[in-house]
């Protein structure tokens, strides 16, 4: 049995170095945004909810950039499926990384699911794939905020994240949930 260990705020996150659909690579920490890198893990081409979610994210890229936030979407899909997702979902501005090894997905605390065959859009799910997660990573590589899901439903709202970022940046609000040993932290 494999265990899932959540990432801890104010601690280093695992490395990411993945190819991008359309060419190039995404390496976490290579770009130095003023405030954060927003890492959005999605299920893959087979997930129509992911397509709508990423289209919403793409529509807000300028707003994230204005707040000093670099953005990337990542899946365990193959390059071919990532290219198709970018084309079908019209993600011409959003960086989409692919080929996330499931071991790395697990290191980020993501859940992993098995294929249930064809989805409502007629696309076959991969044999195994990672479920969604969303993380804000500081330029120093430490976690500021993170959330993971076991299903494609009820994900964080990007407009609400933008509002939260305004508060966080203005007030230099610290990452919360940082206590590792609650018995020693009283």
N, C-alpha and C. Protein backbone atom coordinates (compact mmCIF):
# COMPACT_ATOMS: atom_id res chain seq x y z
N UNK A 1 0.84 -1.18 0.00
CA UNK A 1 0.00 0.00 0.00
C UNK A 1 0.88 1.24 0.00
N UNK A 2 0.55 2.18 -0.84
CA UNK A 2 1.29 3.44 -0.92
C UNK A 2 0.62 4.47 -0.03
N UNK A 3 1.41 5.24 0.65
CA UNK A 3 0.83 6.27 1.51
C UNK A 3 0.95 7.63 0.83
N UNK A 4 0.07 8.52 1.25
CA UNK A 4 0.09 9.89 0.75
C UNK A 4 0.49 10.79 1.91
N UNK A 5 1.51 11.57 1.70
CA UNK A 5 1.94 12.53 2.71
C UNK A 5 1.66 13.93 2.17
N UNK A 6 0.87 14.72 2.89
CA UNK A 6 0.59 16.06 2.38
C UNK A 6 1.83 16.94 2.41
N UNK A 7 1.89 17.85 1.47
CA UNK A 7 2.95 18.86 1.49
C UNK A 7 2.65 19.84 2.62
N UNK A 8 3.69 20.36 3.21
CA UNK A 8 3.53 21.27 4.35
C UNK A 8 3.85 22.70 3.94
N UNK A 9 2.98 23.65 4.31
CA UNK A 9 3.28 25.05 4.06
C UNK A 9 4.62 25.44 4.67
N UNK A 10 5.33 26.32 3.98
CA UNK A 10 6.63 26.85 4.37
C UNK A 10 7.77 25.84 4.20
N UNK A 11 7.46 24.66 3.65
CA UNK A 11 8.48 23.65 3.38
C UNK A 11 8.67 23.54 1.87
N UNK A 12 9.83 23.06 1.45
CA UNK A 12 10.13 22.90 0.02
C UNK A 12 9.16 21.91 -0.62
N UNK A 13 8.75 22.21 -1.85
CA UNK A 13 7.91 21.29 -2.62
C UNK A 13 8.82 20.42 -3.49
N UNK A 14 8.29 19.29 -3.98
CA UNK A 14 9.09 18.44 -4.88
C UNK A 14 9.43 19.17 -6.18
N UNK A 15 10.51 18.77 -6.79
CA UNK A 15 10.94 19.34 -8.07
C UNK A 15 9.95 18.97 -9.17
N UNK A 16 9.85 19.83 -10.16
CA UNK A 16 9.07 19.55 -11.37
C UNK A 16 9.92 19.97 -12.57
N UNK A 17 10.08 19.07 -13.51
CA UNK A 17 10.80 19.36 -14.76
C UNK A 17 10.13 18.52 -15.83
N UNK A 18 9.24 19.14 -16.59
CA UNK A 18 8.39 18.41 -17.54
C UNK A 18 8.35 19.10 -18.89
N UNK A 19 8.11 18.31 -19.96
CA UNK A 19 7.93 18.91 -21.28
C UNK A 19 6.61 19.66 -21.37
N UNK A 20 6.58 20.67 -22.24
CA UNK A 20 5.38 21.45 -22.48
C UNK A 20 4.76 21.07 -23.83
N UNK A 21 3.45 20.99 -23.86
CA UNK A 21 2.75 20.79 -25.13
C UNK A 21 3.10 21.96 -26.04
N UNK A 22 3.46 21.65 -27.26
CA UNK A 22 3.86 22.67 -28.21
C UNK A 22 5.34 22.98 -28.20
N UNK A 23 6.08 22.36 -27.26
CA UNK A 23 7.53 22.55 -27.22
C UNK A 23 8.01 23.28 -25.98
N UNK A 24 9.24 23.04 -25.64
CA UNK A 24 9.84 23.66 -24.46
C UNK A 24 9.67 22.80 -23.22
N UNK A 25 10.09 23.34 -22.09
CA UNK A 25 10.01 22.63 -20.81
C UNK A 25 9.52 23.58 -19.73
N UNK A 26 8.91 23.00 -18.72
CA UNK A 26 8.59 23.73 -17.50
C UNK A 26 9.44 23.15 -16.39
N UNK A 27 10.23 24.00 -15.76
CA UNK A 27 11.02 23.61 -14.61
C UNK A 27 10.65 24.54 -13.47
N UNK A 28 10.05 23.99 -12.43
CA UNK A 28 9.64 24.80 -11.29
C UNK A 28 10.86 25.49 -10.70
N UNK A 29 10.73 26.79 -10.50
CA UNK A 29 11.82 27.57 -9.95
C UNK A 29 12.71 28.23 -10.99
N UNK A 30 12.56 27.81 -12.25
CA UNK A 30 13.39 28.40 -13.31
C UNK A 30 12.99 29.84 -13.58
N UNK A 31 11.68 30.07 -13.64
CA UNK A 31 11.21 31.45 -13.74
C UNK A 31 11.11 31.97 -12.31
N UNK A 32 11.31 33.22 -12.14
CA UNK A 32 11.26 33.82 -10.80
C UNK A 32 10.13 34.84 -10.75
N UNK A 33 8.89 34.38 -10.55
CA UNK A 33 7.79 35.33 -10.46
C UNK A 33 7.95 36.22 -9.23
N UNK A 34 7.34 37.37 -9.26
CA UNK A 34 7.44 38.29 -8.13
C UNK A 34 6.85 37.68 -6.86
N UNK A 35 5.79 36.87 -7.01
CA UNK A 35 5.11 36.37 -5.81
C UNK A 35 4.95 34.85 -5.73
N UNK A 36 4.40 34.23 -6.77
CA UNK A 36 4.10 32.81 -6.69
C UNK A 36 4.15 32.15 -8.07
N UNK A 37 4.24 30.82 -8.06
CA UNK A 37 3.91 30.00 -9.22
C UNK A 37 2.65 29.24 -8.86
N UNK A 38 1.64 29.34 -9.71
CA UNK A 38 0.40 28.59 -9.53
C UNK A 38 0.53 27.31 -10.34
N UNK A 39 0.56 26.18 -9.65
CA UNK A 39 0.68 24.87 -10.29
C UNK A 39 -0.68 24.20 -10.20
N UNK A 40 -1.30 23.95 -11.36
CA UNK A 40 -2.63 23.35 -11.42
C UNK A 40 -2.50 21.97 -12.05
N UNK A 41 -2.67 20.94 -11.24
CA UNK A 41 -2.66 19.57 -11.75
C UNK A 41 -4.07 19.22 -12.21
N UNK A 42 -4.19 18.68 -13.42
CA UNK A 42 -5.50 18.28 -13.94
C UNK A 42 -5.46 16.82 -14.36
N UNK A 43 -6.63 16.22 -14.54
CA UNK A 43 -6.74 14.78 -14.77
C UNK A 43 -6.24 14.36 -16.15
N UNK A 44 -6.54 15.14 -17.19
CA UNK A 44 -6.12 14.79 -18.53
C UNK A 44 -7.20 15.06 -19.56
N UNK A 45 -6.88 14.75 -20.81
CA UNK A 45 -7.77 14.98 -21.95
C UNK A 45 -9.15 14.38 -21.75
N UNK A 46 -9.23 13.26 -21.06
CA UNK A 46 -10.50 12.56 -20.89
C UNK A 46 -11.50 13.31 -20.02
N UNK A 47 -11.07 14.37 -19.35
CA UNK A 47 -11.89 15.05 -18.34
C UNK A 47 -12.50 16.35 -18.89
N UNK A 48 -13.79 16.35 -19.25
CA UNK A 48 -14.39 17.57 -19.78
C UNK A 48 -14.45 18.70 -18.74
N UNK A 49 -14.57 18.35 -17.47
CA UNK A 49 -14.57 19.37 -16.43
C UNK A 49 -13.22 20.08 -16.39
N UNK A 50 -12.15 19.31 -16.60
CA UNK A 50 -10.81 19.90 -16.64
C UNK A 50 -10.70 20.92 -17.78
N UNK A 51 -11.28 20.60 -18.92
CA UNK A 51 -11.24 21.51 -20.05
C UNK A 51 -11.88 22.85 -19.72
N UNK A 52 -13.05 22.81 -19.09
CA UNK A 52 -13.73 24.05 -18.71
C UNK A 52 -12.93 24.81 -17.64
N UNK A 53 -12.38 24.05 -16.70
CA UNK A 53 -11.61 24.65 -15.61
C UNK A 53 -10.36 25.36 -16.14
N UNK A 54 -9.66 24.69 -17.04
CA UNK A 54 -8.44 25.29 -17.61
C UNK A 54 -8.76 26.45 -18.55
N UNK A 55 -9.90 26.40 -19.23
CA UNK A 55 -10.31 27.54 -20.07
C UNK A 55 -10.57 28.76 -19.18
N UNK A 56 -11.19 28.54 -18.02
CA UNK A 56 -11.41 29.63 -17.07
C UNK A 56 -10.07 30.18 -16.58
N UNK A 57 -9.14 29.28 -16.28
CA UNK A 57 -7.80 29.71 -15.85
C UNK A 57 -7.13 30.55 -16.94
N UNK A 58 -7.20 30.08 -18.18
CA UNK A 58 -6.58 30.82 -19.28
C UNK A 58 -7.17 32.23 -19.39
N UNK A 59 -8.48 32.36 -19.17
CA UNK A 59 -9.12 33.68 -19.27
C UNK A 59 -8.63 34.64 -18.19
N UNK A 60 -7.98 34.12 -17.17
CA UNK A 60 -7.51 34.94 -16.05
C UNK A 60 -5.98 35.04 -16.00
N UNK A 61 -5.29 34.59 -17.04
CA UNK A 61 -3.83 34.63 -17.02
C UNK A 61 -3.28 36.05 -16.83
N UNK A 62 -3.88 37.03 -17.48
CA UNK A 62 -3.40 38.40 -17.34
C UNK A 62 -3.57 38.89 -15.90
N UNK A 63 -4.68 38.53 -15.28
CA UNK A 63 -4.92 38.93 -13.89
C UNK A 63 -3.90 38.29 -12.96
N UNK A 64 -3.56 37.04 -13.20
CA UNK A 64 -2.52 36.39 -12.39
C UNK A 64 -1.16 37.06 -12.63
N UNK A 65 -0.85 37.35 -13.88
CA UNK A 65 0.43 38.00 -14.21
C UNK A 65 0.54 39.37 -13.53
N UNK A 66 -0.57 40.12 -13.50
CA UNK A 66 -0.57 41.43 -12.83
C UNK A 66 -0.24 41.31 -11.34
N UNK A 67 -0.49 40.15 -10.77
CA UNK A 67 -0.23 39.91 -9.35
C UNK A 67 1.11 39.20 -9.13
N UNK A 68 1.89 39.08 -10.19
CA UNK A 68 3.20 38.45 -10.06
C UNK A 68 3.14 36.95 -9.88
N UNK A 69 2.18 36.33 -10.56
CA UNK A 69 1.98 34.88 -10.44
C UNK A 69 2.20 34.22 -11.80
N UNK A 70 3.13 33.28 -11.84
CA UNK A 70 3.41 32.45 -13.01
C UNK A 70 2.45 31.26 -12.96
N UNK A 71 1.96 30.78 -14.10
CA UNK A 71 0.93 29.74 -14.12
C UNK A 71 1.32 28.59 -15.03
N UNK A 72 1.05 27.36 -14.58
CA UNK A 72 1.23 26.17 -15.41
C UNK A 72 0.17 25.14 -15.04
N UNK A 73 -0.31 24.41 -16.04
CA UNK A 73 -1.22 23.28 -15.84
C UNK A 73 -0.45 22.01 -16.17
N UNK A 74 -0.65 20.95 -15.38
CA UNK A 74 0.15 19.73 -15.52
C UNK A 74 -0.73 18.50 -15.41
N UNK A 75 -0.45 17.50 -16.26
CA UNK A 75 -1.13 16.20 -16.15
C UNK A 75 -0.14 15.07 -16.39
N UNK A 76 -0.60 13.88 -16.12
CA UNK A 76 0.20 12.68 -16.40
C UNK A 76 -0.05 12.17 -17.81
N UNK A 77 -0.83 12.91 -18.60
CA UNK A 77 -1.10 12.54 -19.99
C UNK A 77 0.19 12.46 -20.81
N UNK A 78 0.09 11.77 -21.95
CA UNK A 78 1.18 11.73 -22.93
C UNK A 78 1.25 13.07 -23.65
N UNK A 79 2.33 13.28 -24.39
CA UNK A 79 2.47 14.49 -25.18
C UNK A 79 1.37 14.63 -26.23
N UNK A 80 1.03 13.52 -26.85
CA UNK A 80 -0.03 13.55 -27.87
C UNK A 80 -1.36 13.99 -27.27
N UNK A 81 -1.70 13.44 -26.11
CA UNK A 81 -2.96 13.81 -25.45
C UNK A 81 -2.92 15.25 -24.95
N UNK A 82 -1.77 15.71 -24.48
CA UNK A 82 -1.66 17.10 -24.03
C UNK A 82 -1.81 18.06 -25.20
N UNK A 83 -1.20 17.74 -26.34
CA UNK A 83 -1.37 18.57 -27.54
C UNK A 83 -2.83 18.62 -27.96
N UNK A 84 -3.50 17.46 -27.91
CA UNK A 84 -4.92 17.42 -28.27
C UNK A 84 -5.75 18.24 -27.30
N UNK A 85 -5.46 18.14 -26.01
CA UNK A 85 -6.20 18.92 -25.01
C UNK A 85 -6.04 20.42 -25.29
N UNK A 86 -4.81 20.86 -25.56
CA UNK A 86 -4.59 22.27 -25.86
C UNK A 86 -5.40 22.72 -27.07
N UNK A 87 -5.46 21.86 -28.09
CA UNK A 87 -6.19 22.21 -29.31
C UNK A 87 -7.70 22.18 -29.09
N UNK A 88 -8.20 21.09 -28.54
CA UNK A 88 -9.65 20.92 -28.35
C UNK A 88 -10.20 21.95 -27.36
N UNK A 89 -9.45 22.21 -26.31
CA UNK A 89 -9.91 23.15 -25.28
C UNK A 89 -9.51 24.59 -25.58
N UNK A 90 -8.82 24.81 -26.71
CA UNK A 90 -8.40 26.14 -27.16
C UNK A 90 -7.54 26.86 -26.11
N UNK A 91 -6.55 26.14 -25.62
CA UNK A 91 -5.64 26.69 -24.60
C UNK A 91 -4.38 27.23 -25.27
N UNK A 92 -4.56 28.26 -26.05
CA UNK A 92 -3.45 28.79 -26.84
C UNK A 92 -2.47 29.63 -26.01
N UNK A 93 -2.87 30.08 -24.83
CA UNK A 93 -1.98 30.92 -24.00
C UNK A 93 -1.48 30.21 -22.75
N UNK A 94 -2.19 29.22 -22.31
CA UNK A 94 -1.84 28.52 -21.07
C UNK A 94 -0.74 27.49 -21.31
N UNK A 95 0.29 27.52 -20.47
CA UNK A 95 1.33 26.49 -20.57
C UNK A 95 0.78 25.19 -19.99
N UNK A 96 0.89 24.13 -20.80
CA UNK A 96 0.39 22.81 -20.40
C UNK A 96 1.56 21.84 -20.42
N UNK A 97 1.95 21.37 -19.25
CA UNK A 97 3.02 20.39 -19.13
C UNK A 97 2.40 19.00 -19.06
N UNK A 98 3.16 18.02 -19.49
CA UNK A 98 2.63 16.65 -19.55
C UNK A 98 3.69 15.65 -19.10
N UNK A 99 3.24 14.40 -18.98
CA UNK A 99 4.17 13.32 -18.65
C UNK A 99 4.54 13.26 -17.18
N UNK A 100 3.70 13.80 -16.31
CA UNK A 100 3.98 13.75 -14.87
C UNK A 100 4.01 12.29 -14.42
N UNK A 101 5.16 11.79 -13.97
CA UNK A 101 5.21 10.42 -13.47
C UNK A 101 4.31 10.27 -12.24
N UNK A 102 3.64 9.14 -12.13
CA UNK A 102 2.73 8.96 -11.01
C UNK A 102 3.45 9.00 -9.67
N UNK A 103 4.73 8.62 -9.65
CA UNK A 103 5.50 8.72 -8.41
C UNK A 103 5.64 10.19 -7.99
N UNK A 104 5.83 11.06 -8.98
CA UNK A 104 5.92 12.50 -8.67
C UNK A 104 4.57 13.06 -8.27
N UNK A 105 3.51 12.57 -8.92
CA UNK A 105 2.16 12.99 -8.52
C UNK A 105 1.92 12.64 -7.05
N UNK A 106 2.30 11.45 -6.67
CA UNK A 106 2.13 11.01 -5.29
C UNK A 106 2.99 11.85 -4.34
N UNK A 107 4.20 12.24 -4.78
CA UNK A 107 5.06 13.09 -3.95
C UNK A 107 4.41 14.45 -3.68
N UNK A 108 3.56 14.90 -4.61
CA UNK A 108 2.82 16.15 -4.42
C UNK A 108 1.54 15.92 -3.61
N UNK A 109 1.28 14.68 -3.21
CA UNK A 109 0.09 14.38 -2.42
C UNK A 109 -1.16 14.16 -3.25
N UNK A 110 -0.99 13.96 -4.57
CA UNK A 110 -2.15 13.77 -5.44
C UNK A 110 -2.69 12.35 -5.33
N UNK A 111 -3.98 12.24 -5.50
CA UNK A 111 -4.63 10.93 -5.55
C UNK A 111 -4.50 10.37 -6.96
N UNK A 112 -4.56 9.05 -7.08
CA UNK A 112 -4.43 8.38 -8.37
C UNK A 112 -5.64 7.48 -8.57
N UNK A 113 -6.20 7.52 -9.78
CA UNK A 113 -7.39 6.73 -10.12
C UNK A 113 -7.10 5.76 -11.25
N UNK A 114 -7.96 4.74 -11.35
CA UNK A 114 -7.88 3.78 -12.45
C UNK A 114 -8.91 4.13 -13.51
N UNK A 115 -8.70 3.65 -14.70
CA UNK A 115 -9.59 3.92 -15.83
C UNK A 115 -10.95 3.28 -15.62
N UNK A 116 -11.95 4.02 -16.02
CA UNK A 116 -13.32 3.50 -16.07
C UNK A 116 -13.79 3.42 -17.53
N UNK A 117 -12.83 3.43 -18.45
CA UNK A 117 -13.17 3.33 -19.88
C UNK A 117 -13.41 4.70 -20.49
N UNK A 118 -14.40 4.76 -21.37
CA UNK A 118 -14.71 6.01 -22.07
C UNK A 118 -15.50 6.95 -21.16
N UNK A 119 -15.19 8.23 -21.32
CA UNK A 119 -15.92 9.26 -20.58
C UNK A 119 -17.12 9.72 -21.39
N UNK A 120 -17.85 10.69 -20.86
CA UNK A 120 -19.03 11.23 -21.54
C UNK A 120 -18.68 11.87 -22.88
N UNK A 121 -17.41 12.25 -23.06
CA UNK A 121 -16.99 12.85 -24.33
C UNK A 121 -16.43 11.83 -25.31
N UNK A 122 -16.43 10.55 -24.91
CA UNK A 122 -15.95 9.49 -25.78
C UNK A 122 -14.46 9.27 -25.75
N UNK A 123 -13.75 9.95 -24.85
CA UNK A 123 -12.30 9.79 -24.71
C UNK A 123 -12.03 8.74 -23.64
N UNK A 124 -11.15 7.81 -23.95
CA UNK A 124 -10.81 6.75 -23.00
C UNK A 124 -9.85 7.29 -21.95
N UNK A 125 -10.15 6.97 -20.70
CA UNK A 125 -9.25 7.35 -19.60
C UNK A 125 -7.99 6.50 -19.67
N UNK A 126 -6.84 7.07 -19.29
CA UNK A 126 -5.62 6.25 -19.19
C UNK A 126 -5.81 5.16 -18.12
N UNK A 127 -4.98 4.13 -18.15
CA UNK A 127 -5.08 3.05 -17.17
C UNK A 127 -4.97 3.60 -15.75
N UNK A 128 -4.06 4.52 -15.53
CA UNK A 128 -3.88 5.21 -14.25
C UNK A 128 -3.63 6.69 -14.53
N UNK A 129 -4.15 7.56 -13.69
CA UNK A 129 -3.93 9.00 -13.86
C UNK A 129 -4.10 9.69 -12.52
N UNK A 130 -3.49 10.87 -12.41
CA UNK A 130 -3.58 11.63 -11.16
C UNK A 130 -4.83 12.51 -11.16
N UNK A 131 -5.35 12.70 -9.97
CA UNK A 131 -6.51 13.56 -9.76
C UNK A 131 -6.04 15.01 -9.54
N UNK A 132 -6.98 15.96 -9.52
CA UNK A 132 -6.61 17.38 -9.46
C UNK A 132 -5.94 17.83 -8.16
N UNK A 133 -5.15 18.86 -8.31
CA UNK A 133 -4.56 19.56 -7.18
C UNK A 133 -4.18 20.96 -7.62
N UNK A 134 -4.08 21.86 -6.68
CA UNK A 134 -3.72 23.24 -6.98
C UNK A 134 -2.79 23.73 -5.88
N UNK A 135 -1.67 24.34 -6.27
CA UNK A 135 -0.65 24.76 -5.32
C UNK A 135 -0.12 26.14 -5.69
N UNK A 136 0.07 26.98 -4.69
CA UNK A 136 0.80 28.23 -4.85
C UNK A 136 2.16 28.03 -4.21
N UNK A 137 3.20 28.20 -5.02
CA UNK A 137 4.57 27.98 -4.58
C UNK A 137 5.31 29.31 -4.61
N UNK A 138 5.98 29.63 -3.53
CA UNK A 138 6.77 30.87 -3.45
C UNK A 138 8.01 30.75 -4.34
N UNK A 139 8.60 31.88 -4.73
CA UNK A 139 9.81 31.83 -5.55
C UNK A 139 10.96 31.05 -4.91
N UNK A 140 10.97 30.91 -3.58
CA UNK A 140 12.03 30.14 -2.91
C UNK A 140 11.75 28.64 -2.91
N UNK A 141 10.66 28.23 -3.58
CA UNK A 141 10.34 26.80 -3.69
C UNK A 141 9.56 26.22 -2.53
N UNK A 142 9.06 27.08 -1.64
CA UNK A 142 8.27 26.59 -0.52
C UNK A 142 6.78 26.72 -0.82
N UNK A 143 6.02 25.84 -0.19
CA UNK A 143 4.57 25.83 -0.38
C UNK A 143 3.92 26.98 0.38
N UNK A 144 3.05 27.71 -0.32
CA UNK A 144 2.23 28.73 0.34
C UNK A 144 0.83 28.19 0.59
N UNK A 145 0.24 27.58 -0.43
CA UNK A 145 -1.14 27.08 -0.35
C UNK A 145 -1.23 25.81 -1.18
N UNK A 146 -2.02 24.87 -0.71
CA UNK A 146 -2.23 23.65 -1.49
C UNK A 146 -3.57 23.02 -1.21
N UNK A 147 -4.13 22.41 -2.23
CA UNK A 147 -5.37 21.65 -2.08
C UNK A 147 -5.36 20.52 -3.09
N UNK A 148 -5.88 19.37 -2.69
CA UNK A 148 -5.99 18.22 -3.59
C UNK A 148 -7.41 17.69 -3.55
N UNK A 149 -7.81 17.02 -4.63
CA UNK A 149 -9.14 16.44 -4.72
C UNK A 149 -9.06 14.98 -5.13
N UNK A 150 -10.09 14.23 -4.77
CA UNK A 150 -10.19 12.84 -5.18
C UNK A 150 -11.03 12.68 -6.44
N UNK A 151 -11.68 13.75 -6.87
CA UNK A 151 -12.57 13.74 -8.03
C UNK A 151 -12.44 15.07 -8.77
N UNK A 152 -13.04 15.16 -9.96
CA UNK A 152 -12.90 16.40 -10.72
C UNK A 152 -13.81 17.54 -10.24
N UNK A 153 -14.67 17.28 -9.28
CA UNK A 153 -15.68 18.26 -8.88
C UNK A 153 -15.19 19.20 -7.78
N UNK A 154 -15.85 20.37 -7.66
CA UNK A 154 -15.68 21.32 -6.55
C UNK A 154 -14.24 21.79 -6.38
N UNK A 155 -13.65 22.28 -7.44
CA UNK A 155 -12.28 22.79 -7.38
C UNK A 155 -12.25 24.25 -6.95
N UNK A 156 -11.08 24.72 -6.50
CA UNK A 156 -10.96 26.13 -6.11
C UNK A 156 -11.30 27.05 -7.28
N UNK A 157 -12.00 28.13 -6.96
CA UNK A 157 -12.44 29.10 -7.94
C UNK A 157 -11.32 30.11 -8.20
N UNK A 158 -10.95 30.27 -9.46
CA UNK A 158 -9.82 31.15 -9.79
C UNK A 158 -10.09 32.61 -9.46
N UNK A 159 -11.32 33.07 -9.61
CA UNK A 159 -11.63 34.46 -9.25
C UNK A 159 -11.46 34.67 -7.75
N UNK A 160 -11.85 33.68 -6.95
CA UNK A 160 -11.66 33.78 -5.50
C UNK A 160 -10.18 33.75 -5.15
N UNK A 161 -9.41 32.95 -5.88
CA UNK A 161 -7.96 32.91 -5.63
C UNK A 161 -7.34 34.28 -5.93
N UNK A 162 -7.78 34.92 -7.01
CA UNK A 162 -7.27 36.26 -7.33
C UNK A 162 -7.58 37.24 -6.21
N UNK A 163 -8.80 37.18 -5.68
CA UNK A 163 -9.17 38.05 -4.56
C UNK A 163 -8.32 37.77 -3.33
N UNK A 164 -8.09 36.50 -3.06
CA UNK A 164 -7.24 36.12 -1.92
C UNK A 164 -5.82 36.62 -2.12
N UNK A 165 -5.31 36.51 -3.35
CA UNK A 165 -3.96 36.99 -3.64
C UNK A 165 -3.83 38.49 -3.38
N UNK A 166 -4.86 39.26 -3.71
CA UNK A 166 -4.82 40.69 -3.43
C UNK A 166 -4.59 40.94 -1.94
N UNK A 167 -5.33 40.22 -1.12
CA UNK A 167 -5.20 40.37 0.34
C UNK A 167 -3.83 39.89 0.81
N UNK A 168 -3.43 38.72 0.34
CA UNK A 168 -2.16 38.10 0.76
C UNK A 168 -0.98 39.00 0.42
N UNK A 169 -0.96 39.51 -0.79
CA UNK A 169 0.17 40.34 -1.24
C UNK A 169 0.18 41.68 -0.51
N UNK A 170 -0.98 42.31 -0.41
CA UNK A 170 -1.07 43.62 0.27
C UNK A 170 -0.64 43.52 1.72
N UNK A 171 -1.03 42.44 2.40
CA UNK A 171 -0.79 42.32 3.84
C UNK A 171 0.38 41.42 4.20
N UNK A 172 1.11 40.95 3.20
CA UNK A 172 2.22 40.02 3.44
C UNK A 172 1.76 38.89 4.38
N UNK A 173 0.60 38.34 4.05
CA UNK A 173 -0.02 37.31 4.89
C UNK A 173 0.78 36.01 4.81
N UNK A 174 1.12 35.43 5.96
CA UNK A 174 1.97 34.23 5.95
C UNK A 174 1.21 32.97 5.54
N UNK A 175 1.96 31.98 5.09
CA UNK A 175 1.37 30.66 4.82
C UNK A 175 0.89 30.08 6.14
N UNK A 176 -0.27 29.46 6.12
CA UNK A 176 -0.86 28.89 7.33
C UNK A 176 -0.89 27.38 7.21
N UNK A 177 -1.12 26.70 8.34
CA UNK A 177 -1.11 25.25 8.36
C UNK A 177 0.30 24.69 8.47
N UNK A 178 1.23 25.50 8.96
CA UNK A 178 2.65 25.18 8.95
C UNK A 178 3.12 24.28 10.08
N UNK A 179 2.27 24.04 11.07
CA UNK A 179 2.69 23.27 12.24
C UNK A 179 2.86 21.80 11.87
N UNK A 180 4.06 21.28 12.09
CA UNK A 180 4.34 19.89 11.77
C UNK A 180 4.06 19.00 12.97
N UNK A 181 4.51 19.39 14.14
CA UNK A 181 4.28 18.61 15.37
C UNK A 181 3.44 19.45 16.32
N UNK A 182 2.13 19.22 16.28
CA UNK A 182 1.23 20.03 17.10
C UNK A 182 1.42 19.76 18.60
N UNK A 183 1.98 18.62 18.97
CA UNK A 183 2.17 18.33 20.39
C UNK A 183 3.32 19.15 20.98
N UNK A 184 4.22 19.60 20.13
CA UNK A 184 5.37 20.39 20.61
C UNK A 184 5.17 21.88 20.40
N UNK A 185 4.08 22.27 19.77
CA UNK A 185 3.89 23.67 19.38
C UNK A 185 2.84 24.38 20.22
N UNK A 186 2.97 24.33 21.49
CA UNK A 186 1.95 25.00 22.31
C UNK A 186 2.51 26.15 23.09
